[in-house]
Amino acid sequence: MAKTPGKPTRPGFRPGKGPVAAGAPATVTIDAPAPKKKTSIPQFFSQVRAEARKIVWPSRKETWITSVMVFIMVMIASAFFWIVDTGLGFASRYILAIGQ
């Protein structure tokens, strides 16, 4: 039986705190969610502008390098799939030619 951290290993025992007294009431705390505050329209747009100022846009050089890398990966993937497709085409024609 695997031990789960934070769970008692036997009834009436709390790891690190000792045994629980018989008949002791169990205390349970429930965190109630805080009520949502209403945001006014000007506050909303102010927050949007503040978040938009945090955006870090890539430079022209970074954009160019990323575009070239994507193009290279597309060419590699297309060459790979062309090779696989051609090989499967030859294999299927060979298998069909044997059956005749």
PDB file of N, CA and C in Angstrom:
ATOM      1  N   MET A   1       0.841  -1.161   0.000  1.00  0.00           N
ATOM      2  CA  MET A   1       0.000   0.000   0.000  1.00  0.00           C
ATOM      3  C   MET A   1       0.897   1.239   0.000  1.00  0.00           C
ATOM      4  N   ALA A   2       0.721   2.112  -0.978  1.00  0.00           N
ATOM      5  CA  ALA A   2       1.556   3.292  -1.095  1.00  0.00           C
ATOM      6  C   ALA A   2       1.063   4.378  -0.153  1.00  0.00           C
ATOM      7  N   LYS A   3       2.015   5.075   0.452  1.00  0.00           N
ATOM      8  CA  LYS A   3       1.658   6.167   1.350  1.00  0.00           C
ATOM      9  C   LYS A   3       1.444   7.433   0.535  1.00  0.00           C
ATOM     10  N   THR A   4       0.405   8.156   0.857  1.00  0.00           N
ATOM     11  CA  THR A   4       0.120   9.415   0.198  1.00  0.00           C
ATOM     12  C   THR A   4       0.484  10.540   1.161  1.00  0.00           C
ATOM     13  N   PRO A   5       1.318  11.487   0.739  1.00  0.00           N
ATOM     14  CA  PRO A   5       1.705  12.557   1.639  1.00  0.00           C
ATOM     15  C   PRO A   5       0.476  13.358   2.083  1.00  0.00           C
ATOM     16  N   GLY A   6       0.435  13.687   3.365  1.00  0.00           N
ATOM     17  CA  GLY A   6      -0.638  14.516   3.872  1.00  0.00           C
ATOM     18  C   GLY A   6      -1.843  13.747   4.368  1.00  0.00           C
ATOM     19  N   LYS A   7      -1.937  12.462   4.086  1.00  0.00           N
ATOM     20  CA  LYS A   7      -3.066  11.664   4.540  1.00  0.00           C
ATOM     21  C   LYS A   7      -2.629  10.802   5.717  1.00  0.00           C
ATOM     22  N   PRO A   8      -3.515  10.610   6.701  1.00  0.00           N
ATOM     23  CA  PRO A   8      -3.148   9.742   7.821  1.00  0.00           C
ATOM     24  C   PRO A   8      -2.915   8.319   7.334  1.00  0.00           C
ATOM     25  N   THR A   9      -1.942   7.661   7.959  1.00  0.00           N
ATOM     26  CA  THR A   9      -1.636   6.290   7.570  1.00  0.00           C
ATOM     27  C   THR A   9      -2.555   5.300   8.271  1.00  0.00           C
ATOM     28  N   ARG A  10      -3.175   5.708   9.397  1.00  0.00           N
ATOM     29  CA  ARG A  10      -4.127   4.846  10.091  1.00  0.00           C
ATOM     30  C   ARG A  10      -5.170   5.743  10.764  1.00  0.00           C
ATOM     31  N   PRO A  11      -6.355   5.238  11.002  1.00  0.00           N
ATOM     32  CA  PRO A  11      -7.400   6.068  11.592  1.00  0.00           C
ATOM     33  C   PRO A  11      -6.990   6.596  12.970  1.00  0.00           C
ATOM     34  N   GLY A  12      -7.346   7.840  13.239  1.00  0.00           N
ATOM     35  CA  GLY A  12      -7.075   8.428  14.539  1.00  0.00           C
ATOM     36  C   GLY A  12      -5.639   8.869  14.742  1.00  0.00           C
ATOM     37  N   PHE A  13      -4.878   8.995  13.653  1.00  0.00           N
ATOM     38  CA  PHE A  13      -3.484   9.399  13.785  1.00  0.00           C
ATOM     39  C   PHE A  13      -3.186  10.474  12.763  1.00  0.00           C
ATOM     40  N   ARG A  14      -2.553  11.560  13.219  1.00  0.00           N
ATOM     41  CA  ARG A  14      -2.127  12.627  12.323  1.00  0.00           C
ATOM     42  C   ARG A  14      -0.607  12.620  12.272  1.00  0.00           C
ATOM     43  N   PRO A  15      -0.019  12.400  11.090  1.00  0.00           N
ATOM     44  CA  PRO A  15       1.443  12.368  11.000  1.00  0.00           C
ATOM     45  C   PRO A  15       2.057  13.667  11.506  1.00  0.00           C
ATOM     46  N   GLY A  16       3.011  13.543  12.412  1.00  0.00           N
ATOM     47  CA  GLY A  16       3.710  14.699  12.935  1.00  0.00           C
ATOM     48  C   GLY A  16       2.972  15.405  14.063  1.00  0.00           C
ATOM     49  N   LYS A  17       1.727  15.030  14.338  1.00  0.00           N
ATOM     50  CA  LYS A  17       0.954  15.705  15.366  1.00  0.00           C
ATOM     51  C   LYS A  17       0.465  14.749  16.441  1.00  0.00           C
ATOM     52  N   GLY A  18       0.667  13.478  16.253  1.00  0.00           N
ATOM     53  CA  GLY A  18       0.276  12.509  17.260  1.00  0.00           C
ATOM     54  C   GLY A  18      -1.157  12.055  17.092  1.00  0.00           C
ATOM     55  N   PRO A  19      -1.627  11.265  18.059  1.00  0.00           N
ATOM     56  CA  PRO A  19      -2.972  10.705  17.953  1.00  0.00           C
ATOM     57  C   PRO A  19      -4.053  11.758  18.193  1.00  0.00           C
ATOM     58  N   VAL A  20      -5.231  11.506  17.631  1.00  0.00           N
ATOM     59  CA  VAL A  20      -6.391  12.370  17.803  1.00  0.00           C
ATOM     60  C   VAL A  20      -7.190  11.818  18.976  1.00  0.00           C
ATOM     61  N   ALA A  21      -7.641  12.702  19.853  1.00  0.00           N
ATOM     62  CA  ALA A  21      -8.429  12.259  21.009  1.00  0.00           C
ATOM     63  C   ALA A  21      -9.758  11.697  20.536  1.00  0.00           C
ATOM     64  N   ALA A  22     -10.203  10.625  21.185  1.00  0.00           N
ATOM     65  CA  ALA A  22     -11.474  10.000  20.817  1.00  0.00           C
ATOM     66  C   ALA A  22     -12.607  10.986  21.066  1.00  0.00           C
ATOM     67  N   GLY A  23     -13.486  11.110  20.115  1.00  0.00           N
ATOM     68  CA  GLY A  23     -14.635  11.990  20.251  1.00  0.00           C
ATOM     69  C   GLY A  23     -14.317  13.456  19.995  1.00  0.00           C
ATOM     70  N   ALA A  24     -13.093  13.765  19.572  1.00  0.00           N
ATOM     71  CA  ALA A  24     -12.734  15.159  19.287  1.00  0.00           C
ATOM     72  C   ALA A  24     -13.450  15.604  18.016  1.00  0.00           C
ATOM     73  N   PRO A  25     -14.028  16.803  18.035  1.00  0.00           N
ATOM     74  CA  PRO A  25     -14.729  17.264  16.840  1.00  0.00           C
ATOM     75  C   PRO A  25     -13.740  17.558  15.709  1.00  0.00           C
ATOM     76  N   ALA A  26     -14.137  17.205  14.515  1.00  0.00           N
ATOM     77  CA  ALA A  26     -13.304  17.475  13.348  1.00  0.00           C
ATOM     78  C   ALA A  26     -13.571  18.904  12.902  1.00  0.00           C
ATOM     79  N   THR A  27     -12.533  19.635  12.622  1.00  0.00           N
ATOM     80  CA  THR A  27     -12.703  21.007  12.152  1.00  0.00           C
ATOM     81  C   THR A  27     -12.413  21.044  10.662  1.00  0.00           C
ATOM     82  N   VAL A  28     -13.310  21.672   9.960  1.00  0.00           N
ATOM     83  CA  VAL A  28     -13.171  21.800   8.514  1.00  0.00           C
ATOM     84  C   VAL A  28     -13.303  23.262   8.183  1.00  0.00           C
ATOM     85  N   THR A  29     -12.332  23.785   7.454  1.00  0.00           N
ATOM     86  CA  THR A  29     -12.413  25.177   7.020  1.00  0.00           C
ATOM     87  C   THR A  29     -12.648  25.196   5.529  1.00  0.00           C
ATOM     88  N   ILE A  30     -13.597  25.992   5.121  1.00  0.00           N
ATOM     89  CA  ILE A  30     -13.925  26.117   3.705  1.00  0.00           C
ATOM     90  C   ILE A  30     -13.668  27.556   3.303  1.00  0.00           C
ATOM     91  N   ASP A  31     -12.810  27.717   2.304  1.00  0.00           N
ATOM     92  CA  ASP A  31     -12.525  29.052   1.808  1.00  0.00           C
ATOM     93  C   ASP A  31     -13.600  29.444   0.809  1.00  0.00           C
ATOM     94  N   ALA A  32     -14.416  30.399   1.180  1.00  0.00           N
ATOM     95  CA  ALA A  32     -15.469  30.873   0.285  1.00  0.00           C
ATOM     96  C   ALA A  32     -14.844  31.812  -0.731  1.00  0.00           C
ATOM     97  N   PRO A  33     -15.263  31.710  -1.983  1.00  0.00           N
ATOM     98  CA  PRO A  33     -14.706  32.612  -2.989  1.00  0.00           C
ATOM     99  C   PRO A  33     -15.117  34.054  -2.694  1.00  0.00           C
ATOM    100  N   ALA A  34     -14.173  34.960  -2.912  1.00  0.00           N
ATOM    101  CA  ALA A  34     -14.449  36.374  -2.682  1.00  0.00           C
ATOM    102  C   ALA A  34     -15.439  36.865  -3.732  1.00  0.00           C
ATOM    103  N   PRO A  35     -16.343  37.760  -3.356  1.00  0.00           N
ATOM    104  CA  PRO A  35     -17.287  38.270  -4.344  1.00  0.00           C
ATOM    105  C   PRO A  35     -16.541  39.061  -5.423  1.00  0.00           C
ATOM    106  N   LYS A  36     -16.993  38.923  -6.661  1.00  0.00           N
ATOM    107  CA  LYS A  36     -16.330  39.585  -7.775  1.00  0.00           C
ATOM    108  C   LYS A  36     -16.679  41.074  -7.765  1.00  0.00           C
ATOM    109  N   LYS A  37     -15.633  41.904  -7.945  1.00  0.00           N
ATOM    110  CA  LYS A  37     -15.864  43.339  -8.024  1.00  0.00           C
ATOM    111  C   LYS A  37     -16.267  43.688  -9.452  1.00  0.00           C
ATOM    112  N   LYS A  38     -17.198  44.592  -9.569  1.00  0.00           N
ATOM    113  CA  LYS A  38     -17.604  45.054 -10.905  1.00  0.00           C
ATOM    114  C   LYS A  38     -16.582  46.078 -11.387  1.00  0.00           C
ATOM    115  N   THR A  39     -16.184  45.958 -12.642  1.00  0.00           N
ATOM    116  CA  THR A  39     -15.233  46.886 -13.237  1.00  0.00           C
ATOM    117  C   THR A  39     -15.985  47.807 -14.181  1.00  0.00           C
ATOM    118  N   SER A  40     -15.767  49.093 -14.031  1.00  0.00           N
ATOM    119  CA  SER A  40     -16.438  50.044 -14.918  1.00  0.00           C
ATOM    120  C   SER A  40     -15.759  50.017 -16.290  1.00  0.00           C
ATOM    121  N   ILE A  41     -16.437  50.557 -17.272  1.00  0.00           N
ATOM    122  CA  ILE A  41     -15.900  50.558 -18.642  1.00  0.00           C
ATOM    123  C   ILE A  41     -14.599  51.351 -18.726  1.00  0.00           C
ATOM    124  N   PRO A  42     -14.499  52.552 -18.142  1.00  0.00           N
ATOM    125  CA  PRO A  42     -13.200  53.252 -18.199  1.00  0.00           C
ATOM    126  C   PRO A  42     -12.079  52.472 -17.501  1.00  0.00           C
ATOM    127  N   GLN A  43     -12.390  51.825 -16.365  1.00  0.00           N
ATOM    128  CA  GLN A  43     -11.375  51.007 -15.690  1.00  0.00           C
ATOM    129  C   GLN A  43     -10.924  49.861 -16.576  1.00  0.00           C
ATOM    130  N   PHE A  44     -11.890  49.226 -17.253  1.00  0.00           N
ATOM    131  CA  PHE A  44     -11.575  48.102 -18.130  1.00  0.00           C
ATOM    132  C   PHE A  44     -10.596  48.529 -19.217  1.00  0.00           C
ATOM    133  N   PHE A  45     -10.896  49.655 -19.899  1.00  0.00           N
ATOM    134  CA  PHE A  45     -10.017  50.098 -20.979  1.00  0.00           C
ATOM    135  C   PHE A  45      -8.673  50.565 -20.440  1.00  0.00           C
ATOM    136  N   SER A  46      -8.653  51.094 -19.238  1.00  0.00           N
ATOM    137  CA  SER A  46      -7.392  51.473 -18.618  1.00  0.00           C
ATOM    138  C   SER A  46      -6.538  50.240 -18.360  1.00  0.00           C
ATOM    139  N   GLN A  47      -7.165  49.165 -17.875  1.00  0.00           N
ATOM    140  CA  GLN A  47      -6.437  47.923 -17.632  1.00  0.00           C
ATOM    141  C   GLN A  47      -5.958  47.297 -18.935  1.00  0.00           C
ATOM    142  N   VAL A  48      -6.768  47.385 -19.987  1.00  0.00           N
ATOM    143  CA  VAL A  48      -6.376  46.846 -21.293  1.00  0.00           C
ATOM    144  C   VAL A  48      -5.141  47.588 -21.809  1.00  0.00           C
ATOM    145  N   ARG A  49      -5.155  48.919 -21.696  1.00  0.00           N
ATOM    146  CA  ARG A  49      -3.999  49.706 -22.143  1.00  0.00           C
ATOM    147  C   ARG A  49      -2.755  49.369 -21.328  1.00  0.00           C
ATOM    148  N   ALA A  50      -2.922  49.173 -20.018  1.00  0.00           N
ATOM    149  CA  ALA A  50      -1.775  48.831 -19.167  1.00  0.00           C
ATOM    150  C   ALA A  50      -1.187  47.479 -19.570  1.00  0.00           C
ATOM    151  N   GLU A  51      -2.051  46.507 -19.857  1.00  0.00           N
ATOM    152  CA  GLU A  51      -1.573  45.189 -20.285  1.00  0.00           C
ATOM    153  C   GLU A  51      -0.923  45.267 -21.666  1.00  0.00           C
ATOM    154  N   ALA A  52      -1.485  46.086 -22.548  1.00  0.00           N
ATOM    155  CA  ALA A  52      -0.927  46.215 -23.905  1.00  0.00           C
ATOM    156  C   ALA A  52       0.464  46.826 -23.860  1.00  0.00           C
ATOM    157  N   ARG A  53       0.735  47.684 -22.868  1.00  0.00           N
ATOM    158  CA  ARG A  53       2.078  48.270 -22.748  1.00  0.00           C
ATOM    159  C   ARG A  53       3.116  47.237 -22.327  1.00  0.00           C
ATOM    160  N   LYS A  54       2.690  46.130 -21.743  1.00  0.00           N
ATOM    161  CA  LYS A  54       3.617  45.093 -21.284  1.00  0.00           C
ATOM    162  C   LYS A  54       4.065  44.159 -22.413  1.00  0.00           C
ATOM    163  N   ILE A  55       3.415  44.226 -23.562  1.00  0.00           N
ATOM    164  CA  ILE A  55       3.744  43.336 -24.680  1.00  0.00           C
ATOM    165  C   ILE A  55       5.123  43.685 -25.221  1.00  0.00           C
ATOM    166  N   VAL A  56       5.935  42.648 -25.438  1.00  0.00           N
ATOM    167  CA  VAL A  56       7.256  42.836 -26.033  1.00  0.00           C
ATOM    168  C   VAL A  56       7.173  42.325 -27.464  1.00  0.00           C
ATOM    169  N   TRP A  57       7.209  43.235 -28.422  1.00  0.00           N
ATOM    170  CA  TRP A  57       7.097  42.860 -29.824  1.00  0.00           C
ATOM    171  C   TRP A  57       8.466  42.449 -30.347  1.00  0.00           C
ATOM    172  N   PRO A  58       8.519  41.450 -31.254  1.00  0.00           N
ATOM    173  CA  PRO A  58       9.809  41.053 -31.821  1.00  0.00           C
ATOM    174  C   PRO A  58      10.321  42.123 -32.780  1.00  0.00           C
ATOM    175  N   SER A  59      11.628  42.186 -32.885  1.00  0.00           N
ATOM    176  CA  SER A  59      12.227  43.149 -33.812  1.00  0.00           C
ATOM    177  C   SER A  59      12.046  42.645 -35.243  1.00  0.00           C
ATOM    178  N   ARG A  60      12.354  43.513 -36.192  1.00  0.00           N
ATOM    179  CA  ARG A  60      12.254  43.132 -37.606  1.00  0.00           C
ATOM    180  C   ARG A  60      13.210  41.982 -37.916  1.00  0.00           C
ATOM    181  N   LYS A  61      14.402  42.012 -37.303  1.00  0.00           N
ATOM    182  CA  LYS A  61      15.391  40.961 -37.538  1.00  0.00           C
ATOM    183  C   LYS A  61      14.891  39.624 -36.977  1.00  0.00           C
ATOM    184  N   GLU A  62      14.334  39.637 -35.766  1.00  0.00           N
ATOM    185  CA  GLU A  62      13.807  38.406 -35.176  1.00  0.00           C
ATOM    186  C   GLU A  62      12.664  37.841 -36.011  1.00  0.00           C
ATOM    187  N   THR A  63      11.811  38.713 -36.519  1.00  0.00           N
ATOM    188  CA  THR A  63      10.704  38.264 -37.360  1.00  0.00           C
ATOM    189  C   THR A  63      11.223  37.629 -38.644  1.00  0.00           C
ATOM    190  N   TRP A  64      12.225  38.230 -39.261  1.00  0.00           N
ATOM    191  CA  TRP A  64      12.809  37.697 -40.494  1.00  0.00           C
ATOM    192  C   TRP A  64      13.448  36.330 -40.247  1.00  0.00           C
ATOM    193  N   ILE A  65      14.218  36.217 -39.170  1.00  0.00           N
ATOM    194  CA  ILE A  65      14.888  34.943 -38.867  1.00  0.00           C
ATOM    195  C   ILE A  65      13.858  33.846 -38.609  1.00  0.00           C
ATOM    196  N   THR A  66      12.818  34.177 -37.847  1.00  0.00           N
ATOM    197  CA  THR A  66      11.775  33.190 -37.559  1.00  0.00           C
ATOM    198  C   THR A  66      11.060  32.760 -38.840  1.00  0.00           C
ATOM    199  N   SER A  67      10.779  33.710 -39.722  1.00  0.00           N
ATOM    200  CA  SER A  67      10.115  33.378 -40.989  1.00  0.00           C
ATOM    201  C   SER A  67      10.982  32.455 -41.839  1.00  0.00           C
ATOM    202  N   VAL A  68      12.280  32.725 -41.899  1.00  0.00           N
ATOM    203  CA  VAL A  68      13.191  31.884 -42.674  1.00  0.00           C
ATOM    204  C   VAL A  68      13.247  30.479 -42.069  1.00  0.00           C
ATOM    205  N   MET A  69      13.284  30.399 -40.747  1.00  0.00           N
ATOM    206  CA  MET A  69      13.316  29.085 -40.094  1.00  0.00           C
ATOM    207  C   MET A  69      12.042  28.293 -40.386  1.00  0.00           C
ATOM    208  N   VAL A  70      10.897  28.957 -40.366  1.00  0.00           N
ATOM    209  CA  VAL A  70       9.635  28.278 -40.682  1.00  0.00           C
ATOM    210  C   VAL A  70       9.665  27.782 -42.124  1.00  0.00           C
ATOM    211  N   PHE A  71      10.147  28.605 -43.056  1.00  0.00           N
ATOM    212  CA  PHE A  71      10.229  28.203 -44.456  1.00  0.00           C
ATOM    213  C   PHE A  71      11.140  26.982 -44.625  1.00  0.00           C
ATOM    214  N   ILE A  72      12.276  26.982 -43.929  1.00  0.00           N
ATOM    215  CA  ILE A  72      13.201  25.845 -44.019  1.00  0.00           C
ATOM    216  C   ILE A  72      12.538  24.576 -43.477  1.00  0.00           C
ATOM    217  N   MET A  73      11.842  24.689 -42.338  1.00  0.00           N
ATOM    218  CA  MET A  73      11.174  23.518 -41.768  1.00  0.00           C
ATOM    219  C   MET A  73      10.067  23.000 -42.684  1.00  0.00           C
ATOM    220  N   VAL A  74       9.350  23.905 -43.348  1.00  0.00           N
ATOM    221  CA  VAL A  74       8.309  23.485 -44.299  1.00  0.00           C
ATOM    222  C   VAL A  74       8.943  22.731 -45.457  1.00  0.00           C
ATOM    223  N   MET A  75      10.076  23.211 -45.952  1.00  0.00           N
ATOM    224  CA  MET A  75      10.750  22.529 -47.060  1.00  0.00           C
ATOM    225  C   MET A  75      11.236  21.138 -46.624  1.00  0.00           C
ATOM    226  N   ILE A  76      11.788  21.028 -45.421  1.00  0.00           N
ATOM    227  CA  ILE A  76      12.254  19.727 -44.924  1.00  0.00           C
ATOM    228  C   ILE A  76      11.076  18.769 -44.768  1.00  0.00           C
ATOM    229  N   ALA A  77       9.971  19.261 -44.191  1.00  0.00           N
ATOM    230  CA  ALA A  77       8.798  18.405 -43.989  1.00  0.00           C
ATOM    231  C   ALA A  77       8.213  17.970 -45.333  1.00  0.00           C
ATOM    232  N   SER A  78       8.153  18.894 -46.304  1.00  0.00           N
ATOM    233  CA  SER A  78       7.591  18.523 -47.609  1.00  0.00           C
ATOM    234  C   SER A  78       8.488  17.505 -48.310  1.00  0.00           C
ATOM    235  N   ALA A  79       9.805  17.639 -48.205  1.00  0.00           N
ATOM    236  CA  ALA A  79      10.712  16.664 -48.805  1.00  0.00           C
ATOM    237  C   ALA A  79      10.538  15.293 -48.136  1.00  0.00           C
ATOM    238  N   PHE A  80      10.415  15.289 -46.804  1.00  0.00           N
ATOM    239  CA  PHE A  80      10.218  14.036 -46.086  1.00  0.00           C
ATOM    240  C   PHE A  80       8.937  13.344 -46.537  1.00  0.00           C
ATOM    241  N   PHE A  81       7.837  14.087 -46.564  1.00  0.00           N
ATOM    242  CA  PHE A  81       6.566  13.469 -46.949  1.00  0.00           C
ATOM    243  C   PHE A  81       6.554  13.057 -48.421  1.00  0.00           C
ATOM    244  N   TRP A  82       7.274  13.786 -49.296  1.00  0.00           N
ATOM    245  CA  TRP A  82       7.356  13.386 -50.697  1.00  0.00           C
ATOM    246  C   TRP A  82       8.107  12.055 -50.810  1.00  0.00           C
ATOM    247  N   ILE A  83       9.199  11.926 -50.056  1.00  0.00           N
ATOM    248  CA  ILE A  83       9.976  10.680 -50.082  1.00  0.00           C
ATOM    249  C   ILE A  83       9.140   9.513 -49.562  1.00  0.00           C
ATOM    250  N   VAL A  84       8.442   9.706 -48.443  1.00  0.00           N
ATOM    251  CA  VAL A  84       7.603   8.645 -47.879  1.00  0.00           C
ATOM    252  C   VAL A  84       6.486   8.282 -48.849  1.00  0.00           C
ATOM    253  N   ASP A  85       5.845   9.287 -49.455  1.00  0.00           N
ATOM    254  CA  ASP A  85       4.747   9.035 -50.393  1.00  0.00           C
ATOM    255  C   ASP A  85       5.243   8.262 -51.613  1.00  0.00           C
ATOM    256  N   THR A  86       6.391   8.662 -52.135  1.00  0.00           N
ATOM    257  CA  THR A  86       6.958   7.967 -53.297  1.00  0.00           C
ATOM    258  C   THR A  86       7.307   6.525 -52.935  1.00  0.00           C
ATOM    259  N   GLY A  87       7.912   6.325 -51.780  1.00  0.00           N
ATOM    260  CA  GLY A  87       8.259   4.970 -51.349  1.00  0.00           C
ATOM    261  C   GLY A  87       7.023   4.099 -51.165  1.00  0.00           C
ATOM    262  N   LEU A  88       5.978   4.630 -50.550  1.00  0.00           N
ATOM    263  CA  LEU A  88       4.749   3.858 -50.374  1.00  0.00           C
ATOM    264  C   LEU A  88       4.075   3.574 -51.721  1.00  0.00           C
ATOM    265  N   GLY A  89       4.185   4.520 -52.658  1.00  0.00           N
ATOM    266  CA  GLY A  89       3.633   4.291 -54.001  1.00  0.00           C
ATOM    267  C   GLY A  89       4.341   3.145 -54.701  1.00  0.00           C
ATOM    268  N   PHE A  90       5.684   3.144 -54.649  1.00  0.00           N
ATOM    269  CA  PHE A  90       6.436   2.041 -55.248  1.00  0.00           C
ATOM    270  C   PHE A  90       6.101   0.715 -54.567  1.00  0.00           C
ATOM    271  N   ALA A  91       6.004   0.733 -53.230  1.00  0.00           N
ATOM    272  CA  ALA A  91       5.716  -0.498 -52.485  1.00  0.00           C
ATOM    273  C   ALA A  91       4.328  -1.025 -52.838  1.00  0.00           C
ATOM    274  N   SER A  92       3.341  -0.154 -52.925  1.00  0.00           N
ATOM    275  CA  SER A  92       1.988  -0.627 -53.246  1.00  0.00           C
ATOM    276  C   SER A  92       1.916  -1.156 -54.674  1.00  0.00           C
ATOM    277  N   ARG A  93       2.602  -0.499 -55.633  1.00  0.00           N
ATOM    278  CA  ARG A  93       2.622  -1.018 -57.016  1.00  0.00           C
ATOM    279  C   ARG A  93       3.326  -2.362 -57.081  1.00  0.00           C
ATOM    280  N   TYR A  94       4.381  -2.538 -56.292  1.00  0.00           N
ATOM    281  CA  TYR A  94       5.107  -3.807 -56.278  1.00  0.00           C
ATOM    282  C   TYR A  94       4.205  -4.918 -55.710  1.00  0.00           C
ATOM    283  N   ILE A  95       3.518  -4.610 -54.618  1.00  0.00           N
ATOM    284  CA  ILE A  95       2.649  -5.612 -54.001  1.00  0.00           C
ATOM    285  C   ILE A  95       1.492  -5.971 -54.940  1.00  0.00           C
ATOM    286  N   LEU A  96       0.921  -4.976 -55.604  1.00  0.00           N
ATOM    287  CA  LEU A  96      -0.184  -5.238 -56.525  1.00  0.00           C
ATOM    288  C   LEU A  96       0.294  -5.994 -57.758  1.00  0.00           C
ATOM    289  N   ALA A  97       1.539  -5.750 -58.199  1.00  0.00           N
ATOM    290  CA  ALA A  97       2.071  -6.443 -59.371  1.00  0.00           C
ATOM    291  C   ALA A  97       2.346  -7.908 -59.045  1.00  0.00           C
ATOM    292  N   ILE A  98       2.705  -8.222 -57.811  1.00  0.00           N
ATOM    293  CA  ILE A  98       2.953  -9.621 -57.417  1.00  0.00           C
ATOM    294  C   ILE A  98       1.638 -10.397 -57.433  1.00  0.00           C
ATOM    295  N   GLY A  99       0.546  -9.758 -57.035  1.00  0.00           N
ATOM    296  CA  GLY A  99      -0.731 -10.445 -56.939  1.00  0.00           C
ATOM    297  C   GLY A  99      -1.325 -10.805 -58.303  1.00  0.00           C
ATOM    298  N   GLN A 100      -0.846 -10.271 -59.397  1.00  0.00           N
ATOM    299  CA  GLN A 100      -1.437 -10.553 -60.700  1.00  0.00           C
ATOM    300  C   GLN A 100      -0.834 -11.745 -61.375  1.00  0.00           C
TER     301      GLN A 100
END
